[in-house]
Amino acid sequence: MQAARSIPRAAQYTDALTTDILLLAALIAGEARGEPYDGQVAVACVARNRVNNPGWWGRTWREVILKPKQFSPFNVSDSANGWEGRDALVDLLGLVEPQHTYIAAGVYHRRISDNTNGATHFANLSLAQPGWADDLVMCARFGRHTFYKAEPPGEAI
């Protein structure tokens, strides 16, 4: 009987890296498909800004992107996305275009700068007026999305 072969450390890293970039590309496809390039970059930067400030929404790319009720394309029970009861990730991966993957890899590897000024939230205000936005500062707007971040302590007016 042969001993079980372990996966080399580099292969484990590559698999995790590939998964993170594919999840980020799927997020871009789901949230910003049809938006201008800068808007797609901004959506990816929101995920990166959350990863860079671990906390309630997660510590890893996977945790941040798949956190329930954070990014609507992954909310399978949300009938607004038309995917109720379906495997949202499989559907999203089918929508990923080369530009989404390019942006995801660039944002992940920090080759694309944050164009949101540190945003950790965004919303399409033509679809909803989220109450949480009242407690945040608007810091960018691209296409149909408005981007927000928490106000630094001591800067309230």
N, C-alpha and C. Protein backbone atom coordinates (compact mmCIF):
# COMPACT_ATOMS: atom_id res chain seq x y z
N MET A 1 0.84 -1.18 0.00
CA MET A 1 0.00 0.00 0.00
C MET A 1 0.88 1.24 0.00
N GLN A 2 0.57 2.16 -0.90
CA GLN A 2 1.34 3.39 -0.99
C GLN A 2 0.83 4.41 0.02
N ALA A 3 1.74 5.18 0.52
CA ALA A 3 1.36 6.26 1.42
C ALA A 3 0.65 7.34 0.62
N ALA A 4 -0.31 7.97 1.22
CA ALA A 4 -1.03 9.05 0.55
C ALA A 4 -0.08 10.19 0.25
N ARG A 5 -0.16 10.70 -0.96
CA ARG A 5 0.70 11.82 -1.34
C ARG A 5 0.06 13.12 -0.89
N SER A 6 0.87 13.95 -0.31
CA SER A 6 0.35 15.26 0.09
C SER A 6 0.49 16.22 -1.08
N ILE A 7 -0.37 17.19 -1.10
CA ILE A 7 -0.31 18.20 -2.14
C ILE A 7 0.82 19.16 -1.80
N PRO A 8 1.72 19.42 -2.77
CA PRO A 8 2.82 20.35 -2.49
C PRO A 8 2.27 21.71 -2.06
N ARG A 9 3.02 22.36 -1.18
CA ARG A 9 2.60 23.65 -0.64
C ARG A 9 2.31 24.66 -1.75
N ALA A 10 3.12 24.71 -2.79
CA ALA A 10 2.91 25.65 -3.89
C ALA A 10 1.57 25.39 -4.58
N ALA A 11 1.21 24.13 -4.75
CA ALA A 11 -0.07 23.79 -5.39
C ALA A 11 -1.24 24.23 -4.52
N GLN A 12 -1.10 24.08 -3.20
CA GLN A 12 -2.16 24.53 -2.30
C GLN A 12 -2.34 26.04 -2.42
N TYR A 13 -1.23 26.75 -2.48
CA TYR A 13 -1.29 28.20 -2.60
C TYR A 13 -1.95 28.58 -3.92
N THR A 14 -1.53 27.93 -5.01
CA THR A 14 -2.08 28.25 -6.32
C THR A 14 -3.57 27.99 -6.36
N ASP A 15 -4.03 26.88 -5.77
CA ASP A 15 -5.46 26.58 -5.76
C ASP A 15 -6.24 27.65 -4.99
N ALA A 16 -5.73 28.07 -3.84
CA ALA A 16 -6.41 29.10 -3.06
C ALA A 16 -6.40 30.42 -3.82
N LEU A 17 -5.28 30.74 -4.45
CA LEU A 17 -5.16 31.97 -5.23
C LEU A 17 -6.15 31.96 -6.38
N THR A 18 -6.21 30.86 -7.11
CA THR A 18 -7.14 30.74 -8.24
C THR A 18 -8.57 30.88 -7.77
N THR A 19 -8.91 30.24 -6.67
CA THR A 19 -10.27 30.33 -6.13
C THR A 19 -10.61 31.76 -5.75
N ASP A 20 -9.70 32.45 -5.09
CA ASP A 20 -9.95 33.84 -4.70
C ASP A 20 -10.18 34.73 -5.91
N ILE A 21 -9.36 34.58 -6.93
CA ILE A 21 -9.49 35.41 -8.13
C ILE A 21 -10.78 35.07 -8.88
N LEU A 22 -11.13 33.79 -8.95
CA LEU A 22 -12.38 33.42 -9.61
C LEU A 22 -13.60 33.94 -8.84
N LEU A 23 -13.55 33.86 -7.51
CA LEU A 23 -14.65 34.42 -6.72
C LEU A 23 -14.77 35.93 -6.94
N LEU A 24 -13.64 36.61 -6.99
CA LEU A 24 -13.66 38.05 -7.21
C LEU A 24 -14.18 38.37 -8.61
N ALA A 25 -13.77 37.60 -9.60
CA ALA A 25 -14.26 37.80 -10.97
C ALA A 25 -15.77 37.55 -11.03
N ALA A 26 -16.25 36.54 -10.30
CA ALA A 26 -17.69 36.26 -10.25
C ALA A 26 -18.43 37.41 -9.57
N LEU A 27 -17.84 37.98 -8.54
CA LEU A 27 -18.44 39.14 -7.86
C LEU A 27 -18.57 40.31 -8.84
N ILE A 28 -17.52 40.57 -9.59
CA ILE A 28 -17.54 41.66 -10.57
C ILE A 28 -18.63 41.39 -11.61
N ALA A 29 -18.69 40.16 -12.11
CA ALA A 29 -19.69 39.79 -13.12
C ALA A 29 -21.10 39.98 -12.57
N GLY A 30 -21.30 39.60 -11.32
CA GLY A 30 -22.63 39.67 -10.73
C GLY A 30 -23.06 41.06 -10.34
N GLU A 31 -22.14 41.86 -9.82
CA GLU A 31 -22.48 43.18 -9.32
C GLU A 31 -22.27 44.30 -10.34
N ALA A 32 -21.31 44.13 -11.25
CA ALA A 32 -20.93 45.26 -12.10
C ALA A 32 -20.91 44.93 -13.59
N ARG A 33 -21.50 43.82 -13.98
CA ARG A 33 -21.58 43.48 -15.40
C ARG A 33 -22.34 44.61 -16.09
N GLY A 34 -21.79 45.11 -17.18
CA GLY A 34 -22.43 46.21 -17.90
C GLY A 34 -22.04 47.59 -17.40
N GLU A 35 -21.33 47.65 -16.30
CA GLU A 35 -20.85 48.93 -15.78
C GLU A 35 -19.55 49.31 -16.48
N PRO A 36 -19.16 50.58 -16.43
CA PRO A 36 -17.87 50.96 -17.02
C PRO A 36 -16.71 50.28 -16.27
N TYR A 37 -15.56 50.25 -16.94
CA TYR A 37 -14.37 49.63 -16.37
C TYR A 37 -14.11 50.13 -14.94
N ASP A 38 -14.14 51.46 -14.73
CA ASP A 38 -13.88 52.02 -13.40
C ASP A 38 -14.87 51.51 -12.37
N GLY A 39 -16.12 51.31 -12.76
CA GLY A 39 -17.12 50.77 -11.86
C GLY A 39 -16.85 49.33 -11.49
N GLN A 40 -16.36 48.55 -12.44
CA GLN A 40 -16.01 47.17 -12.16
C GLN A 40 -14.81 47.10 -11.23
N VAL A 41 -13.83 47.95 -11.46
CA VAL A 41 -12.67 48.03 -10.57
C VAL A 41 -13.12 48.41 -9.16
N ALA A 42 -14.01 49.37 -9.06
CA ALA A 42 -14.47 49.85 -7.76
C ALA A 42 -15.16 48.74 -6.95
N VAL A 43 -15.97 47.93 -7.60
CA VAL A 43 -16.63 46.81 -6.90
C VAL A 43 -15.58 45.85 -6.35
N ALA A 44 -14.57 45.54 -7.15
CA ALA A 44 -13.50 44.65 -6.68
C ALA A 44 -12.73 45.29 -5.53
N CYS A 45 -12.53 46.60 -5.59
CA CYS A 45 -11.80 47.30 -4.52
C CYS A 45 -12.57 47.27 -3.20
N VAL A 46 -13.89 47.30 -3.26
CA VAL A 46 -14.67 47.19 -2.02
C VAL A 46 -14.35 45.87 -1.33
N ALA A 47 -14.30 44.79 -2.10
CA ALA A 47 -13.95 43.49 -1.50
C ALA A 47 -12.54 43.54 -0.92
N ARG A 48 -11.59 44.11 -1.67
CA ARG A 48 -10.21 44.20 -1.16
C ARG A 48 -10.14 45.05 0.10
N ASN A 49 -10.86 46.15 0.13
CA ASN A 49 -10.85 47.01 1.32
C ASN A 49 -11.40 46.29 2.54
N ARG A 50 -12.38 45.42 2.32
CA ARG A 50 -12.91 44.62 3.43
C ARG A 50 -11.90 43.58 3.89
N VAL A 51 -11.21 42.95 2.95
CA VAL A 51 -10.18 41.97 3.31
C VAL A 51 -9.05 42.67 4.08
N ASN A 52 -8.71 43.88 3.66
CA ASN A 52 -7.64 44.65 4.31
C ASN A 52 -8.01 45.13 5.70
N ASN A 53 -9.29 45.14 6.01
CA ASN A 53 -9.78 45.56 7.33
C ASN A 53 -10.66 44.46 7.90
N PRO A 54 -10.03 43.33 8.23
CA PRO A 54 -10.83 42.17 8.66
C PRO A 54 -11.67 42.49 9.88
N GLY A 55 -12.81 41.89 9.88
CA GLY A 55 -13.73 42.09 11.00
C GLY A 55 -15.00 41.34 10.75
N TRP A 56 -16.11 42.01 10.99
CA TRP A 56 -17.42 41.39 10.91
C TRP A 56 -17.65 40.66 9.59
N TRP A 57 -17.21 41.25 8.47
CA TRP A 57 -17.52 40.65 7.17
C TRP A 57 -16.52 39.58 6.75
N GLY A 58 -15.50 39.31 7.54
CA GLY A 58 -14.57 38.22 7.24
C GLY A 58 -13.12 38.64 7.25
N ARG A 59 -12.27 37.64 7.09
CA ARG A 59 -10.83 37.88 7.12
C ARG A 59 -10.15 37.47 5.81
N THR A 60 -10.82 36.66 5.02
CA THR A 60 -10.24 36.17 3.76
C THR A 60 -11.11 36.63 2.60
N TRP A 61 -10.56 36.53 1.39
CA TRP A 61 -11.35 36.88 0.21
C TRP A 61 -12.63 36.06 0.17
N ARG A 62 -12.51 34.77 0.39
CA ARG A 62 -13.68 33.89 0.34
C ARG A 62 -14.73 34.29 1.38
N GLU A 63 -14.29 34.52 2.61
CA GLU A 63 -15.23 34.91 3.67
C GLU A 63 -15.93 36.22 3.33
N VAL A 64 -15.17 37.19 2.86
CA VAL A 64 -15.73 38.50 2.53
C VAL A 64 -16.73 38.40 1.38
N ILE A 65 -16.36 37.73 0.32
CA ILE A 65 -17.21 37.66 -0.87
C ILE A 65 -18.48 36.84 -0.62
N LEU A 66 -18.34 35.76 0.14
CA LEU A 66 -19.49 34.88 0.36
C LEU A 66 -20.27 35.18 1.64
N LYS A 67 -19.91 36.23 2.36
CA LYS A 67 -20.63 36.59 3.58
C LYS A 67 -22.11 36.78 3.25
N PRO A 68 -22.99 36.09 3.96
CA PRO A 68 -24.43 36.22 3.68
C PRO A 68 -24.92 37.67 3.76
N LYS A 69 -25.76 38.02 2.85
CA LYS A 69 -26.44 39.31 2.78
C LYS A 69 -25.50 40.50 2.56
N GLN A 70 -24.35 40.24 1.94
CA GLN A 70 -23.44 41.32 1.64
C GLN A 70 -23.42 41.67 0.16
N PHE A 71 -23.22 40.70 -0.70
CA PHE A 71 -23.19 40.93 -2.14
C PHE A 71 -24.36 40.18 -2.75
N SER A 72 -25.31 40.92 -3.30
CA SER A 72 -26.58 40.34 -3.73
C SER A 72 -26.47 39.18 -4.71
N PRO A 73 -25.50 39.13 -5.61
CA PRO A 73 -25.46 37.98 -6.51
C PRO A 73 -25.24 36.64 -5.79
N PHE A 74 -24.72 36.68 -4.59
CA PHE A 74 -24.48 35.45 -3.84
C PHE A 74 -25.61 35.15 -2.86
N ASN A 75 -26.63 35.99 -2.83
CA ASN A 75 -27.78 35.76 -1.96
C ASN A 75 -28.79 34.90 -2.72
N VAL A 76 -28.63 33.61 -2.64
CA VAL A 76 -29.45 32.69 -3.42
C VAL A 76 -30.93 32.86 -3.11
N SER A 77 -31.27 33.23 -1.90
CA SER A 77 -32.67 33.37 -1.53
C SER A 77 -33.25 34.72 -1.95
N ASP A 78 -32.44 35.58 -2.53
CA ASP A 78 -32.90 36.90 -2.95
C ASP A 78 -33.55 36.80 -4.32
N SER A 79 -34.86 36.90 -4.37
CA SER A 79 -35.56 36.74 -5.65
C SER A 79 -35.27 37.89 -6.61
N ALA A 80 -34.72 38.99 -6.12
CA ALA A 80 -34.42 40.12 -6.99
C ALA A 80 -33.36 39.77 -8.03
N ASN A 81 -32.48 38.83 -7.70
CA ASN A 81 -31.45 38.48 -8.67
C ASN A 81 -31.91 37.40 -9.64
N GLY A 82 -33.09 36.89 -9.50
CA GLY A 82 -33.63 35.92 -10.43
C GLY A 82 -33.08 34.52 -10.27
N TRP A 83 -32.29 34.30 -9.23
CA TRP A 83 -31.62 33.01 -9.08
C TRP A 83 -32.10 32.26 -7.85
N GLU A 84 -33.28 32.58 -7.37
CA GLU A 84 -33.79 31.98 -6.14
C GLU A 84 -33.73 30.45 -6.23
N GLY A 85 -33.09 29.84 -5.24
CA GLY A 85 -33.02 28.40 -5.16
C GLY A 85 -32.01 27.77 -6.10
N ARG A 86 -31.23 28.57 -6.79
CA ARG A 86 -30.24 28.03 -7.73
C ARG A 86 -28.84 28.23 -7.17
N ASP A 87 -27.87 27.60 -7.80
CA ASP A 87 -26.48 27.74 -7.37
C ASP A 87 -25.91 29.02 -7.98
N ALA A 88 -25.94 30.09 -7.22
CA ALA A 88 -25.53 31.40 -7.72
C ALA A 88 -24.11 31.41 -8.24
N LEU A 89 -23.19 30.73 -7.56
CA LEU A 89 -21.81 30.76 -8.00
C LEU A 89 -21.65 30.13 -9.37
N VAL A 90 -22.30 29.01 -9.61
CA VAL A 90 -22.22 28.37 -10.93
C VAL A 90 -22.77 29.32 -11.99
N ASP A 91 -23.90 29.95 -11.69
CA ASP A 91 -24.47 30.91 -12.64
C ASP A 91 -23.53 32.08 -12.88
N LEU A 92 -22.93 32.60 -11.83
CA LEU A 92 -22.03 33.74 -11.97
C LEU A 92 -20.78 33.39 -12.75
N LEU A 93 -20.22 32.22 -12.51
CA LEU A 93 -19.02 31.83 -13.25
C LEU A 93 -19.29 31.76 -14.74
N GLY A 94 -20.51 31.44 -15.11
CA GLY A 94 -20.88 31.42 -16.51
C GLY A 94 -20.96 32.81 -17.13
N LEU A 95 -21.03 33.84 -16.31
CA LEU A 95 -21.11 35.22 -16.78
C LEU A 95 -19.76 35.93 -16.79
N VAL A 96 -18.75 35.30 -16.21
CA VAL A 96 -17.43 35.93 -16.11
C VAL A 96 -16.83 36.11 -17.51
N GLU A 97 -16.40 37.32 -17.78
CA GLU A 97 -15.75 37.65 -19.05
C GLU A 97 -14.27 37.90 -18.79
N PRO A 98 -13.44 37.86 -19.84
CA PRO A 98 -12.00 38.09 -19.65
C PRO A 98 -11.68 39.37 -18.88
N GLN A 99 -12.42 40.45 -19.13
CA GLN A 99 -12.16 41.70 -18.41
C GLN A 99 -12.38 41.54 -16.92
N HIS A 100 -13.37 40.76 -16.52
CA HIS A 100 -13.63 40.55 -15.09
C HIS A 100 -12.45 39.84 -14.44
N THR A 101 -11.92 38.84 -15.13
CA THR A 101 -10.77 38.10 -14.59
C THR A 101 -9.53 39.00 -14.54
N TYR A 102 -9.34 39.81 -15.57
CA TYR A 102 -8.21 40.74 -15.61
C TYR A 102 -8.27 41.70 -14.42
N ILE A 103 -9.45 42.28 -14.21
CA ILE A 103 -9.63 43.21 -13.09
C ILE A 103 -9.43 42.49 -11.76
N ALA A 104 -10.02 41.31 -11.62
CA ALA A 104 -9.90 40.55 -10.37
C ALA A 104 -8.44 40.27 -10.04
N ALA A 105 -7.68 39.81 -11.02
CA ALA A 105 -6.27 39.51 -10.78
C ALA A 105 -5.49 40.79 -10.45
N GLY A 106 -5.79 41.87 -11.15
CA GLY A 106 -5.10 43.13 -10.91
C GLY A 106 -5.38 43.70 -9.53
N VAL A 107 -6.63 43.63 -9.10
CA VAL A 107 -6.98 44.14 -7.77
C VAL A 107 -6.40 43.22 -6.71
N TYR A 108 -6.52 41.91 -6.90
CA TYR A 108 -6.00 40.94 -5.94
C TYR A 108 -4.50 41.13 -5.72
N HIS A 109 -3.75 41.30 -6.81
CA HIS A 109 -2.29 41.43 -6.73
C HIS A 109 -1.83 42.88 -6.55
N ARG A 110 -2.77 43.81 -6.34
CA ARG A 110 -2.49 45.22 -6.11
C ARG A 110 -1.80 45.90 -7.30
N ARG A 111 -2.07 45.41 -8.47
CA ARG A 111 -1.56 46.06 -9.69
C ARG A 111 -2.56 47.12 -10.16
N ILE A 112 -3.77 47.07 -9.61
CA ILE A 112 -4.79 48.08 -9.90
C ILE A 112 -5.09 48.80 -8.59
N SER A 113 -4.94 50.11 -8.63
CA SER A 113 -5.14 50.93 -7.43
C SER A 113 -6.61 51.05 -7.06
N ASP A 114 -6.83 51.35 -5.79
CA ASP A 114 -8.18 51.58 -5.27
C ASP A 114 -8.68 52.92 -5.79
N ASN A 115 -9.72 52.89 -6.59
CA ASN A 115 -10.29 54.12 -7.14
C ASN A 115 -11.50 54.60 -6.33
N THR A 116 -11.72 54.00 -5.15
CA THR A 116 -12.89 54.34 -4.34
C THR A 116 -12.56 55.19 -3.11
N ASN A 117 -11.29 55.47 -2.88
CA ASN A 117 -10.89 56.21 -1.69
C ASN A 117 -11.25 55.43 -0.41
N GLY A 118 -11.10 54.09 -0.48
CA GLY A 118 -11.28 53.27 0.71
C GLY A 118 -12.69 52.76 0.97
N ALA A 119 -13.55 52.76 -0.04
CA ALA A 119 -14.94 52.32 0.16
C ALA A 119 -15.03 50.87 0.63
N THR A 120 -15.97 50.62 1.52
CA THR A 120 -16.25 49.27 1.99
C THR A 120 -17.69 48.85 1.69
N HIS A 121 -18.45 49.75 1.06
CA HIS A 121 -19.84 49.48 0.73
C HIS A 121 -20.17 50.14 -0.60
N PHE A 122 -21.20 49.65 -1.25
CA PHE A 122 -21.73 50.32 -2.43
C PHE A 122 -23.19 49.94 -2.61
N ALA A 123 -23.88 50.77 -3.38
CA ALA A 123 -25.29 50.51 -3.65
C ALA A 123 -25.66 51.11 -5.00
N ASN A 124 -26.64 50.50 -5.62
CA ASN A 124 -27.26 51.05 -6.82
C ASN A 124 -28.51 51.79 -6.33
N LEU A 125 -28.41 53.09 -6.21
CA LEU A 125 -29.49 53.88 -5.60
C LEU A 125 -30.75 53.94 -6.45
N SER A 126 -30.65 53.53 -7.72
CA SER A 126 -31.86 53.47 -8.53
C SER A 126 -32.71 52.25 -8.19
N LEU A 127 -32.11 51.28 -7.49
CA LEU A 127 -32.83 50.07 -7.09
C LEU A 127 -33.30 50.12 -5.64
N ALA A 128 -32.51 50.77 -4.80
CA ALA A 128 -32.85 50.81 -3.37
C ALA A 128 -32.12 51.97 -2.70
N GLN A 129 -32.69 52.44 -1.62
CA GLN A 129 -32.08 53.48 -0.78
C GLN A 129 -31.76 52.82 0.56
N PRO A 130 -30.62 52.14 0.66
CA PRO A 130 -30.33 51.40 1.90
C PRO A 130 -30.14 52.31 3.10
N GLY A 131 -30.74 51.92 4.21
CA GLY A 131 -30.62 52.69 5.44
C GLY A 131 -29.20 52.77 5.95
N TRP A 132 -28.42 51.73 5.72
CA TRP A 132 -27.05 51.73 6.21
C TRP A 132 -26.23 52.87 5.61
N ALA A 133 -26.59 53.34 4.42
CA ALA A 133 -25.83 54.40 3.76
C ALA A 133 -25.90 55.71 4.53
N ASP A 134 -26.95 55.90 5.32
CA ASP A 134 -27.10 57.14 6.10
C ASP A 134 -25.97 57.32 7.12
N ASP A 135 -25.38 56.21 7.55
CA ASP A 135 -24.33 56.26 8.57
C ASP A 135 -22.93 56.28 7.97
N LEU A 136 -22.83 56.34 6.64
CA LEU A 136 -21.53 56.29 5.96
C LEU A 136 -21.32 57.54 5.12
N VAL A 137 -20.09 57.70 4.64
CA VAL A 137 -19.73 58.84 3.82
C VAL A 137 -19.60 58.38 2.37
N MET A 138 -20.25 59.10 1.46
CA MET A 138 -20.12 58.79 0.04
C MET A 138 -18.72 59.19 -0.40
N CYS A 139 -18.02 58.28 -1.07
CA CYS A 139 -16.64 58.59 -1.45
C CYS A 139 -16.35 58.41 -2.93
N ALA A 140 -17.29 57.86 -3.70
CA ALA A 140 -17.06 57.72 -5.15
C ALA A 140 -18.39 57.35 -5.81
N ARG A 141 -18.44 57.58 -7.11
CA ARG A 141 -19.59 57.16 -7.90
C ARG A 141 -19.09 56.76 -9.28
N PHE A 142 -19.46 55.57 -9.71
CA PHE A 142 -19.11 55.07 -11.04
C PHE A 142 -20.33 54.38 -11.61
N GLY A 143 -20.72 54.74 -12.81
CA GLY A 143 -21.88 54.12 -13.41
C GLY A 143 -23.09 54.27 -12.52
N ARG A 144 -23.78 53.16 -12.25
CA ARG A 144 -24.99 53.18 -11.43
C ARG A 144 -24.71 52.97 -9.95
N HIS A 145 -23.43 52.82 -9.57
CA HIS A 145 -23.11 52.53 -8.17
C HIS A 145 -22.53 53.74 -7.45
N THR A 146 -22.94 53.88 -6.21
CA THR A 146 -22.39 54.89 -5.31
C THR A 146 -21.64 54.14 -4.22
N PHE A 147 -20.44 54.62 -3.88
CA PHE A 147 -19.54 53.92 -2.96
C PHE A 147 -19.40 54.71 -1.66
N TYR A 148 -19.31 53.95 -0.56
CA TYR A 148 -19.32 54.54 0.78
C TYR A 148 -18.24 53.94 1.67
N LYS A 149 -17.89 54.70 2.69
CA LYS A 149 -17.01 54.20 3.75
C LYS A 149 -17.42 54.83 5.07
N ALA A 150 -16.92 54.24 6.14
CA ALA A 150 -17.21 54.80 7.47
C ALA A 150 -16.46 56.12 7.61
N GLU A 151 -17.09 57.04 8.30
CA GLU A 151 -16.46 58.32 8.56
C GLU A 151 -15.39 58.15 9.63
N PRO A 152 -14.18 58.66 9.39
CA PRO A 152 -13.15 58.54 10.43
C PRO A 152 -13.59 59.22 11.72
N PRO A 153 -13.24 58.66 12.87
CA PRO A 153 -13.62 59.26 14.16
C PRO A 153 -13.13 60.71 14.25
N GLY A 154 -13.98 61.55 14.81
CA GLY A 154 -13.59 62.94 15.02
C GLY A 154 -13.83 63.84 13.82
N GLU A 155 -14.34 63.29 12.72
CA GLU A 155 -14.55 64.12 11.53
C GLU A 155 -16.02 64.40 11.26
N ALA A 156 -16.88 64.05 12.20
CA ALA A 156 -18.32 64.31 12.00
C ALA A 156 -18.57 65.81 12.02
N ILE A 157 -19.49 66.21 11.20
CA ILE A 157 -19.83 67.64 11.11
C ILE A 157 -21.05 67.92 11.94
